[in-house]
C-alpha atoms as a PDB file:
ATOM      1  CA  MET A   1     -37.352  55.410  14.950  1.00  0.00           C
ATOM      2  CA  ALA A   2     -39.669  55.888  18.507  1.00  0.00           C
ATOM      3  CA  VAL A   3     -41.553  59.083  18.942  1.00  0.00           C
ATOM      4  CA  SER A   4     -39.610  59.530  21.946  1.00  0.00           C
ATOM      5  CA  ASP A   5     -36.433  59.325  20.879  1.00  0.00           C
ATOM      6  CA  PHE A   6     -37.000  61.724  17.336  1.00  0.00           C
ATOM      7  CA  PRO A   7     -35.148  64.743  17.609  1.00  0.00           C
ATOM      8  CA  SER A   8     -36.813  68.231  19.463  1.00  0.00           C
ATOM      9  CA  CYS A   9     -35.478  70.414  16.300  1.00  0.00           C
ATOM     10  CA  LEU A  10     -36.683  70.485  13.436  1.00  0.00           C
ATOM     11  CA  ARG A  11     -33.805  70.478  11.362  1.00  0.00           C
ATOM     12  CA  ALA A  12     -32.092  67.407  12.972  1.00  0.00           C
ATOM     13  CA  GLY A  13     -35.371  65.745  12.464  1.00  0.00           C
ATOM     14  CA  ALA A  14     -35.095  66.209   8.945  1.00  0.00           C
ATOM     15  CA  LEU A  15     -32.096  64.911   8.640  1.00  0.00           C
ATOM     16  CA  ALA A  16     -33.130  61.820  10.817  1.00  0.00           C
ATOM     17  CA  ALA A  17     -35.870  61.391   7.877  1.00  0.00           C
ATOM     18  CA  LEU A  18     -33.501  61.956   5.217  1.00  0.00           C
ATOM     19  CA  ILE A  19     -31.208  59.175   6.179  1.00  0.00           C
ATOM     20  CA  GLU A  20     -34.043  56.745   7.228  1.00  0.00           C
ATOM     21  CA  ARG A  21     -34.255  54.092   4.471  1.00  0.00           C
ATOM     22  CA  ASP A  22     -37.169  51.957   4.882  1.00  0.00           C
ATOM     23  CA  PRO A  23     -39.719  54.294   3.475  1.00  0.00           C
ATOM     24  CA  ARG A  24     -42.663  53.119   5.547  1.00  0.00           C
ATOM     25  CA  ARG A  25     -40.674  55.105   8.387  1.00  0.00           C
ATOM     26  CA  LYS A  26     -39.583  57.709   6.559  1.00  0.00           C
ATOM     27  CA  LEU A  27     -43.061  58.245   5.786  1.00  0.00           C
ATOM     28  CA  ALA A  28     -44.030  58.191   9.527  1.00  0.00           C
ATOM     29  CA  ALA A  29     -40.235  60.131  10.178  1.00  0.00           C
ATOM     30  CA  VAL A  30     -41.860  63.260   7.981  1.00  0.00           C
ATOM     31  CA  GLN A  31     -45.299  63.414  10.166  1.00  0.00           C
ATOM     32  CA  LEU A  32     -43.001  64.312  12.705  1.00  0.00           C
ATOM     33  CA  LEU A  33     -41.733  67.218  11.387  1.00  0.00           C
ATOM     34  CA  ASP A  34     -44.630  69.772  12.644  1.00  0.00           C
ATOM     35  CA  GLU A  35     -44.985  72.899  14.195  1.00  0.00           C
ATOM     36  CA  SER A  36     -44.025  71.890  17.951  1.00  0.00           C
ATOM     37  CA  LEU A  37     -40.164  71.333  16.776  1.00  0.00           C
ATOM     38  CA  ILE A  38     -38.145  74.315  17.326  1.00  0.00           C
ATOM     39  CA  VAL A  39     -36.191  75.663  14.725  1.00  0.00           C
ATOM     40  CA  ASP A  40     -32.364  77.179  15.362  1.00  0.00           C
ATOM     41  CA  PRO A  41     -31.388  78.080  11.827  1.00  0.00           C
ATOM     42  CA  THR A  42     -27.943  79.029  13.360  1.00  0.00           C
ATOM     43  CA  VAL A  43     -26.898  75.466  13.937  1.00  0.00           C
ATOM     44  CA  ILE A  44     -24.283  73.769  11.367  1.00  0.00           C
ATOM     45  CA  LEU A  45     -25.430  70.042  11.333  1.00  0.00           C
ATOM     46  CA  PRO A  46     -22.380  67.603  10.025  1.00  0.00           C
ATOM     47  CA  GLU A  47     -23.070  65.654   7.349  1.00  0.00           C
ATOM     48  CA  PRO A  48     -23.758  61.393   8.184  1.00  0.00           C
ATOM     49  CA  VAL A  49     -23.191  58.678   5.328  1.00  0.00           C
ATOM     50  CA  GLY A  50     -26.065  57.784   3.714  1.00  0.00           C
ATOM     51  CA  ILE A  51     -27.639  60.639   2.628  1.00  0.00           C
ATOM     52  CA  PRO A  52     -30.425  60.069   0.871  1.00  0.00           C
ATOM     53  CA  GLY A  53     -31.482  56.667   2.702  1.00  0.00           C
ATOM     54  CA  ARG A  54     -33.576  55.392   0.253  1.00  0.00           C
ATOM     55  CA  PRO A  55     -34.265  51.379  -0.032  1.00  0.00           C
ATOM     56  CA  ALA A  56     -31.749  49.212  -1.869  1.00  0.00           C
ATOM     57  CA  ARG A  57     -34.453  48.747  -4.951  1.00  0.00           C
ATOM     58  CA  PRO A  58     -35.678  50.157  -7.716  1.00  0.00           C
ATOM     59  CA  GLU A  59     -32.482  49.714  -9.023  1.00  0.00           C
ATOM     60  CA  MET A  60     -30.990  52.926 -10.472  1.00  0.00           C
ATOM     61  CA  VAL A  61     -30.423  53.015 -14.369  1.00  0.00           C
ATOM     62  CA  LEU A  62     -29.379  55.803 -17.089  1.00  0.00           C
ATOM     63  CA  PRO A  63     -32.661  58.053 -17.684  1.00  0.00           C
ATOM     64  CA  LEU A  64     -32.571  56.399 -21.271  1.00  0.00           C
ATOM     65  CA  LYS A  65     -32.574  52.837 -19.748  1.00  0.00           C
ATOM     66  CA  VAL A  66     -36.032  53.462 -18.216  1.00  0.00           C
ATOM     67  CA  ARG A  67     -37.879  51.514 -20.515  1.00  0.00           C
ATOM     68  CA  GLN A  68     -41.436  53.062 -21.619  1.00  0.00           C
ATOM     69  CA  ARG A  69     -44.163  50.623 -21.433  1.00  0.00           C
ATOM     70  CA  SER A  70     -47.536  50.624 -23.308  1.00  0.00           C
ATOM     71  CA  MET A  71     -50.093  52.312 -21.489  1.00  0.00           C
ATOM     72  CA  GLN A  72     -52.390  50.275 -22.886  1.00  0.00           C
ATOM     73  CA  THR A  73     -51.135  46.926 -20.293  1.00  0.00           C
ATOM     74  CA  PRO A  74     -51.493  46.387 -16.613  1.00  0.00           C
ATOM     75  CA  GLN A  75     -47.505  46.730 -16.388  1.00  0.00           C
ATOM     76  CA  GLY A  76     -47.058  49.479 -18.741  1.00  0.00           C
ATOM     77  CA  ARG A  77     -49.753  51.632 -16.667  1.00  0.00           C
ATOM     78  CA  ALA A  78     -48.208  50.080 -13.348  1.00  0.00           C
ATOM     79  CA  ALA A  79     -44.690  51.171 -14.572  1.00  0.00           C
ATOM     80  CA  LEU A  80     -45.854  54.929 -15.013  1.00  0.00           C
ATOM     81  CA  ILE A  81     -47.275  55.037 -11.450  1.00  0.00           C
ATOM     82  CA  HIS A  82     -43.847  53.526 -10.242  1.00  0.00           C
ATOM     83  CA  SER A  83     -42.026  56.384 -12.151  1.00  0.00           C
ATOM     84  CA  LEU A  84     -44.188  58.990 -10.275  1.00  0.00           C
ATOM     85  CA  ALA A  85     -43.902  57.016  -6.859  1.00  0.00           C
ATOM     86  CA  HIS A  86     -40.157  57.821  -7.458  1.00  0.00           C
ATOM     87  CA  ILE A  87     -40.348  61.207  -8.077  1.00  0.00           C
ATOM     88  CA  GLU A  88     -42.418  62.018  -5.012  1.00  0.00           C
ATOM     89  CA  PHE A  89     -40.035  59.679  -2.789  1.00  0.00           C
ATOM     90  CA  ASN A  90     -36.982  61.330  -4.421  1.00  0.00           C
ATOM     91  CA  ALA A  91     -39.019  65.107  -3.430  1.00  0.00           C
ATOM     92  CA  ILE A  92     -39.563  63.973   0.101  1.00  0.00           C
ATOM     93  CA  ASN A  93     -35.846  63.580   0.561  1.00  0.00           C
ATOM     94  CA  LEU A  94     -35.337  67.356  -1.465  1.00  0.00           C
ATOM     95  CA  ALA A  95     -37.129  68.782   1.063  1.00  0.00           C
ATOM     96  CA  LEU A  96     -35.721  67.349   3.935  1.00  0.00           C
ATOM     97  CA  ASP A  97     -31.996  68.012   2.939  1.00  0.00           C
ATOM     98  CA  VAL A  98     -32.883  71.561   2.028  1.00  0.00           C
ATOM     99  CA  ILE A  99     -34.254  71.625   5.874  1.00  0.00           C
ATOM    100  CA  TRP A 100     -31.207  70.925   7.666  1.00  0.00           C
ATOM    101  CA  ARG A 101     -28.139  71.466   4.996  1.00  0.00           C
ATOM    102  CA  PHE A 102     -28.649  74.963   4.703  1.00  0.00           C
ATOM    103  CA  ALA A 103     -28.281  77.153   8.044  1.00  0.00           C
ATOM    104  CA  GLY A 104     -29.116  80.766   8.440  1.00  0.00           C
ATOM    105  CA  MET A 105     -32.432  81.104   6.523  1.00  0.00           C
ATOM    106  CA  PRO A 106     -35.283  82.550   8.388  1.00  0.00           C
ATOM    107  CA  GLU A 107     -37.241  80.355  10.882  1.00  0.00           C
ATOM    108  CA  PRO A 108     -40.260  80.463   8.049  1.00  0.00           C
ATOM    109  CA  PHE A 109     -37.917  78.915   5.061  1.00  0.00           C
ATOM    110  CA  TYR A 110     -37.737  75.796   7.447  1.00  0.00           C
ATOM    111  CA  ARG A 111     -41.076  75.534   8.327  1.00  0.00           C
ATOM    112  CA  ASP A 112     -42.405  76.101   4.681  1.00  0.00           C
ATOM    113  CA  TRP A 113     -39.994  73.027   3.595  1.00  0.00           C
ATOM    114  CA  ALA A 114     -41.154  70.745   6.649  1.00  0.00           C
ATOM    115  CA  GLN A 115     -44.721  71.454   4.874  1.00  0.00           C
ATOM    116  CA  VAL A 116     -43.656  70.539   1.806  1.00  0.00           C
ATOM    117  CA  ALA A 117     -42.366  67.225   2.994  1.00  0.00           C
ATOM    118  CA  ARG A 118     -45.384  66.411   4.819  1.00  0.00           C
ATOM    119  CA  GLU A 119     -46.970  66.865   1.419  1.00  0.00           C
ATOM    120  CA  GLU A 120     -44.424  65.094  -0.550  1.00  0.00           C
ATOM    121  CA  ALA A 121     -45.067  62.048   2.139  1.00  0.00           C
ATOM    122  CA  ASN A 122     -48.506  62.261   1.089  1.00  0.00           C
ATOM    123  CA  HIS A 123     -48.087  61.768  -2.473  1.00  0.00           C
ATOM    124  CA  PHE A 124     -46.214  59.053  -2.289  1.00  0.00           C
ATOM    125  CA  ASP A 125     -47.828  57.401  -0.055  1.00  0.00           C
ATOM    126  CA  LEU A 126     -51.066  57.626  -2.309  1.00  0.00           C
ATOM    127  CA  LEU A 127     -48.627  56.364  -5.089  1.00  0.00           C
ATOM    128  CA  ASP A 128     -47.547  53.864  -3.333  1.00  0.00           C
ATOM    129  CA  ARG A 129     -50.700  52.293  -1.874  1.00  0.00           C
ATOM    130  CA  HIS A 130     -52.407  52.575  -5.559  1.00  0.00           C
ATOM    131  CA  LEU A 131     -48.885  50.723  -6.876  1.00  0.00           C
ATOM    132  CA  LEU A 132     -49.987  48.085  -4.559  1.00  0.00           C
ATOM    133  CA  GLY A 133     -53.524  47.851  -5.840  1.00  0.00           C
ATOM    134  CA  LEU A 134     -52.130  47.153  -9.131  1.00  0.00           C
ATOM    135  CA  GLY A 135     -50.068  44.075  -7.791  1.00  0.00           C
ATOM    136  CA  TYR A 136     -46.517  45.653  -7.979  1.00  0.00           C
ATOM    137  CA  ARG A 137     -44.588  46.978  -5.341  1.00  0.00           C
ATOM    138  CA  TYR A 138     -42.033  50.346  -5.144  1.00  0.00           C
ATOM    139  CA  GLY A 139     -38.904  49.364  -6.519  1.00  0.00           C
ATOM    140  CA  ASP A 140     -40.339  46.341  -8.623  1.00  0.00           C
ATOM    141  CA  PHE A 141     -39.246  48.935 -11.874  1.00  0.00           C
ATOM    142  CA  PRO A 142     -36.110  50.560 -12.306  1.00  0.00           C
ATOM    143  CA  ALA A 143     -35.708  53.774 -12.180  1.00  0.00           C
ATOM    144  CA  HIS A 144     -33.651  57.050 -12.630  1.00  0.00           C
ATOM    145  CA  ASP A 145     -31.707  59.201 -10.098  1.00  0.00           C
ATOM    146  CA  GLY A 146     -31.881  62.692 -12.003  1.00  0.00           C
ATOM    147  CA  LEU A 147     -33.562  64.575  -9.323  1.00  0.00           C
ATOM    148  CA  TRP A 148     -30.700  63.867  -6.605  1.00  0.00           C
ATOM    149  CA  GLU A 149     -28.579  64.526  -8.906  1.00  0.00           C
ATOM    150  CA  MET A 150     -29.137  68.221  -9.272  1.00  0.00           C
ATOM    151  CA  ALA A 151     -29.524  68.175  -5.109  1.00  0.00           C
ATOM    152  CA  GLU A 152     -25.671  66.762  -5.411  1.00  0.00           C
ATOM    153  CA  ARG A 153     -24.118  69.579  -7.648  1.00  0.00           C
ATOM    154  CA  THR A 154     -26.047  72.237  -5.411  1.00  0.00           C
ATOM    155  CA  ARG A 155     -25.450  70.744  -2.131  1.00  0.00           C
ATOM    156  CA  ASN A 156     -23.460  73.929  -1.283  1.00  0.00           C
ATOM    157  CA  GLU A 157     -25.474  77.235  -2.363  1.00  0.00           C
ATOM    158  CA  VAL A 158     -28.771  77.272  -1.441  1.00  0.00           C
ATOM    159  CA  LEU A 159     -29.975  79.824  -3.947  1.00  0.00           C
ATOM    160  CA  ALA A 160     -28.740  77.439  -6.710  1.00  0.00           C
ATOM    161  CA  ARG A 161     -30.797  74.901  -5.022  1.00  0.00           C
ATOM    162  CA  LEU A 162     -33.619  77.027  -5.117  1.00  0.00           C
ATOM    163  CA  ALA A 163     -33.275  78.388  -8.501  1.00  0.00           C
ATOM    164  CA  LEU A 164     -32.464  74.665  -9.841  1.00  0.00           C
ATOM    165  CA  VAL A 165     -35.037  72.005  -7.978  1.00  0.00           C
ATOM    166  CA  PRO A 166     -38.121  73.505  -7.260  1.00  0.00           C
ATOM    167  CA  ARG A 167     -38.011  76.313  -9.387  1.00  0.00           C
ATOM    168  CA  THR A 168     -36.854  73.847 -12.956  1.00  0.00           C
ATOM    169  CA  LEU A 169     -37.234  70.269 -12.099  1.00  0.00           C
ATOM    170  CA  GLU A 170     -40.245  70.333  -9.889  1.00  0.00           C
ATOM    171  CA  ALA A 171     -42.158  73.144 -11.781  1.00  0.00           C
ATOM    172  CA  ARG A 172     -41.217  70.579 -14.775  1.00  0.00           C
ATOM    173  CA  GLY A 173     -44.171  68.495 -12.883  1.00  0.00           C
ATOM    174  CA  LEU A 174     -46.528  71.498 -13.668  1.00  0.00           C
ATOM    175  CA  ASP A 175     -46.264  71.018 -17.276  1.00  0.00           C
ATOM    176  CA  ALA A 176     -45.984  67.009 -17.372  1.00  0.00           C
ATOM    177  CA  SER A 177     -49.276  66.456 -14.822  1.00  0.00           C
ATOM    178  CA  PRO A 178     -52.021  67.383 -16.999  1.00  0.00           C
ATOM    179  CA  ILE A 179     -50.553  64.965 -19.904  1.00  0.00           C
ATOM    180  CA  VAL A 180     -49.916  62.581 -17.368  1.00  0.00           C
ATOM    181  CA  ARG A 181     -53.478  62.775 -15.664  1.00  0.00           C
ATOM    182  CA  ASN A 182     -55.085  62.579 -19.574  1.00  0.00           C
ATOM    183  CA  LYS A 183     -52.927  59.019 -20.088  1.00  0.00           C
ATOM    184  CA  LEU A 184     -53.916  57.855 -16.873  1.00  0.00           C
ATOM    185  CA  ALA A 185     -57.700  58.862 -17.181  1.00  0.00           C
ATOM    186  CA  GLY A 186     -57.802  57.603 -20.902  1.00  0.00           C
ATOM    187  CA  ALA A 187     -55.799  54.112 -19.977  1.00  0.00           C
ATOM    188  CA  GLY A 188     -59.133  53.568 -17.616  1.00  0.00           C
ATOM    189  CA  ASP A 189     -56.865  54.560 -14.494  1.00  0.00           C
ATOM    190  CA  ALA A 190     -59.660  56.902 -12.848  1.00  0.00           C
ATOM    191  CA  ALA A 191     -58.118  56.355  -9.424  1.00  0.00           C
ATOM    192  CA  GLY A 192     -54.820  57.289 -10.886  1.00  0.00           C
ATOM    193  CA  ALA A 193     -56.067  60.907 -12.364  1.00  0.00           C
ATOM    194  CA  ALA A 194     -57.327  61.635  -9.502  1.00  0.00           C
ATOM    195  CA  ILE A 195     -54.082  61.575  -7.758  1.00  0.00           C
ATOM    196  CA  ILE A 196     -52.262  63.342 -10.197  1.00  0.00           C
ATOM    197  CA  ASP A 197     -54.860  65.901  -9.345  1.00  0.00           C
ATOM    198  CA  VAL A 198     -54.042  66.062  -5.816  1.00  0.00           C
ATOM    199  CA  ILE A 199     -50.266  66.276  -6.421  1.00  0.00           C
ATOM    200  CA  LEU A 200     -51.001  69.063  -9.344  1.00  0.00           C
ATOM    201  CA  GLN A 201     -52.654  71.295  -6.771  1.00  0.00           C
ATOM    202  CA  ASP A 202     -49.921  70.891  -4.327  1.00  0.00           C
ATOM    203  CA  GLU A 203     -47.376  70.871  -6.204  1.00  0.00           C
ATOM    204  CA  ILE A 204     -48.539  74.373  -7.425  1.00  0.00           C
ATOM    205  CA  GLY A 205     -47.859  75.079  -3.739  1.00  0.00           C
ATOM    206  CA  HIS A 206     -44.252  73.404  -3.501  1.00  0.00           C
ATOM    207  CA  VAL A 207     -43.202  75.758  -6.432  1.00  0.00           C
ATOM    208  CA  ALA A 208     -44.399  79.051  -4.859  1.00  0.00           C
ATOM    209  CA  ILE A 209     -42.431  78.243  -1.676  1.00  0.00           C
ATOM    210  CA  GLY A 210     -39.687  77.875  -3.891  1.00  0.00           C
ATOM    211  CA  ASN A 211     -40.202  80.842  -6.171  1.00  0.00           C
ATOM    212  CA  ARG A 212     -40.550  82.959  -2.830  1.00  0.00           C
ATOM    213  CA  TRP A 213     -37.607  82.260  -1.100  1.00  0.00           C
ATOM    214  CA  TYR A 214     -35.057  82.608  -4.448  1.00  0.00           C
ATOM    215  CA  ARG A 215     -36.650  85.997  -4.775  1.00  0.00           C
ATOM    216  CA  TYR A 216     -35.765  86.381  -1.070  1.00  0.00           C
ATOM    217  CA  LEU A 217     -32.225  85.771  -1.458  1.00  0.00           C
ATOM    218  CA  CYS A 218     -32.136  87.917  -4.924  1.00  0.00           C
ATOM    219  CA  GLY A 219     -33.374  90.934  -3.454  1.00  0.00           C
ATOM    220  CA  LYS A 220     -31.046  90.632  -0.276  1.00  0.00           C
ATOM    221  CA  HIS A 221     -27.939  90.398  -2.502  1.00  0.00           C
ATOM    222  CA  GLU A 222     -29.117  92.860  -4.915  1.00  0.00           C
ATOM    223  CA  LEU A 223     -29.335  90.314  -7.604  1.00  0.00           C
ATOM    224  CA  ASP A 224     -31.859  90.218 -10.783  1.00  0.00           C
ATOM    225  CA  PRO A 225     -33.245  86.923 -10.649  1.00  0.00           C
ATOM    226  CA  ILE A 226     -33.844  86.323 -14.410  1.00  0.00           C
ATOM    227  CA  ALA A 227     -30.307  87.459 -15.110  1.00  0.00           C
ATOM    228  CA  GLU A 228     -29.096  85.415 -12.297  1.00  0.00           C
ATOM    229  CA  TYR A 229     -30.918  82.466 -12.907  1.00  0.00           C
ATOM    230  CA  LYS A 230     -29.785  82.131 -16.661  1.00  0.00           C
ATOM    231  CA  ALA A 231     -26.264  82.096 -15.120  1.00  0.00           C
ATOM    232  CA  LEU A 232     -27.032  79.534 -12.776  1.00  0.00           C
ATOM    233  CA  ALA A 233     -28.827  76.972 -15.150  1.00  0.00           C
ATOM    234  CA  ILE A 234     -25.203  77.558 -17.105  1.00  0.00           C
ATOM    235  CA  LYS A 235     -22.773  77.122 -14.231  1.00  0.00           C
ATOM    236  CA  TYR A 236     -25.002  73.993 -12.577  1.00  0.00           C
ATOM    237  CA  ARG A 237     -26.002  72.487 -16.194  1.00  0.00           C
ATOM    238  CA  ALA A 238     -29.137  72.289 -15.742  1.00  0.00           C
ATOM    239  CA  PRO A 239     -31.348  70.914 -18.224  1.00  0.00           C
ATOM    240  CA  ARG A 240     -32.859  72.928 -21.376  1.00  0.00           C
ATOM    241  CA  LEU A 241     -36.816  73.457 -21.104  1.00  0.00           C
ATOM    242  CA  ARG A 242     -38.989  72.401 -23.876  1.00  0.00           C
ATOM    243  CA  GLY A 243     -42.639  72.684 -24.366  1.00  0.00           C
ATOM    244  CA  PRO A 244     -45.664  72.612 -23.846  1.00  0.00           C
ATOM    245  CA  PHE A 245     -45.014  74.778 -20.563  1.00  0.00           C
ATOM    246  CA  ASN A 246     -48.874  75.046 -18.445  1.00  0.00           C
ATOM    247  CA  PHE A 247     -48.776  78.880 -18.116  1.00  0.00           C
ATOM    248  CA  GLU A 248     -51.702  78.524 -16.189  1.00  0.00           C
ATOM    249  CA  ALA A 249     -49.841  76.471 -13.614  1.00  0.00           C
ATOM    250  CA  ARG A 250     -46.703  78.580 -13.345  1.00  0.00           C
ATOM    251  CA  ARG A 251     -48.366  81.935 -13.012  1.00  0.00           C
ATOM    252  CA  ALA A 252     -50.550  80.214  -9.622  1.00  0.00           C
ATOM    253  CA  ALA A 253     -46.806  78.914  -8.612  1.00  0.00           C
ATOM    254  CA  GLY A 254     -45.775  83.016  -8.819  1.00  0.00           C
ATOM    255  CA  PHE A 255     -43.628  83.009 -12.024  1.00  0.00           C
ATOM    256  CA  SER A 256     -43.714  86.499 -13.237  1.00  0.00           C
ATOM    257  CA  ASP A 257     -44.848  87.030 -16.921  1.00  0.00           C
ATOM    258  CA  GLN A 258     -41.344  87.995 -17.738  1.00  0.00           C
ATOM    259  CA  GLU A 259     -39.710  85.133 -16.745  1.00  0.00           C
ATOM    260  CA  LEU A 260     -42.378  82.833 -18.227  1.00  0.00           C
ATOM    261  CA  GLN A 261     -41.146  85.153 -21.668  1.00  0.00           C
ATOM    262  CA  ALA A 262     -37.786  83.704 -21.099  1.00  0.00           C
ATOM    263  CA  LEU A 263     -38.678  80.558 -20.337  1.00  0.00           C
ATOM    264  CA  GLN A 264     -40.299  80.304 -24.202  1.00  0.00           C
ATOM    265  CA  ASN A 265     -37.610  82.225 -25.543  1.00  0.00           C
ATOM    266  CA  ASP A 266     -35.085  79.756 -24.106  1.00  0.00           C
ATOM    267  CA  ALA A 267     -37.257  76.574 -25.492  1.00  0.00           C
ATOM    268  CA  LEU A 268     -37.536  78.065 -28.692  1.00  0.00           C
ATOM    269  CA  ASP A 269     -33.622  78.753 -29.012  1.00  0.00           C
ATOM    270  CA  ILE A 270     -33.231  75.137 -28.399  1.00  0.00           C
END
């Protein structure tokens, strides 16, 4: 899409970027979601076909069908980088979907998620280029669709989307990042480990944005954040989270001590 053809409205621009199938064109479209675009929180955008836009590959399989490969082989390291790139590609689409889909939020809400989309696009770009350096392309390995499945379940409720995508599935990345980083470093992939360092710092901010707007809506509707989270997790069949948890990163992302205690208690009940 030419810059001259790009929508002047942030939310319409996010939708245009979301339905773009080609990864490189999607990244370019996301970079256009800047402060120059206007925000109209009131407009209801009709949902087009083709959401989310993504290439024909990778092949989508069930999570258990995603083969685990040894980190001691070049292919195994490439498979891990590919899985991370797929997560980041989904994260771009998730941020874009929040912007266009949910009307009626304050303008800063949409600006925040545009920032998230741009940073997720950078993460994908870093991983995609690293994958190319390893001799592979995005799409060369199968992947699963767990992140987007939760987006589908929460398509009609912004509070549920905030509770169960950034605060649950994406927050899980805060827990996993140190483990993944150590795997890459231990396998001699210093460049891959450095990319994980960048992603972790940005993701703390992304989860913090999810926490901020989740609490905003809970306050607006006089809901207890912890009790409401539990109810939404049951309603939308969110996965039960297991440790270990990165409590330092979760605190930096705005989780309260009470929320972290509830998370730990819930994990002990599994």
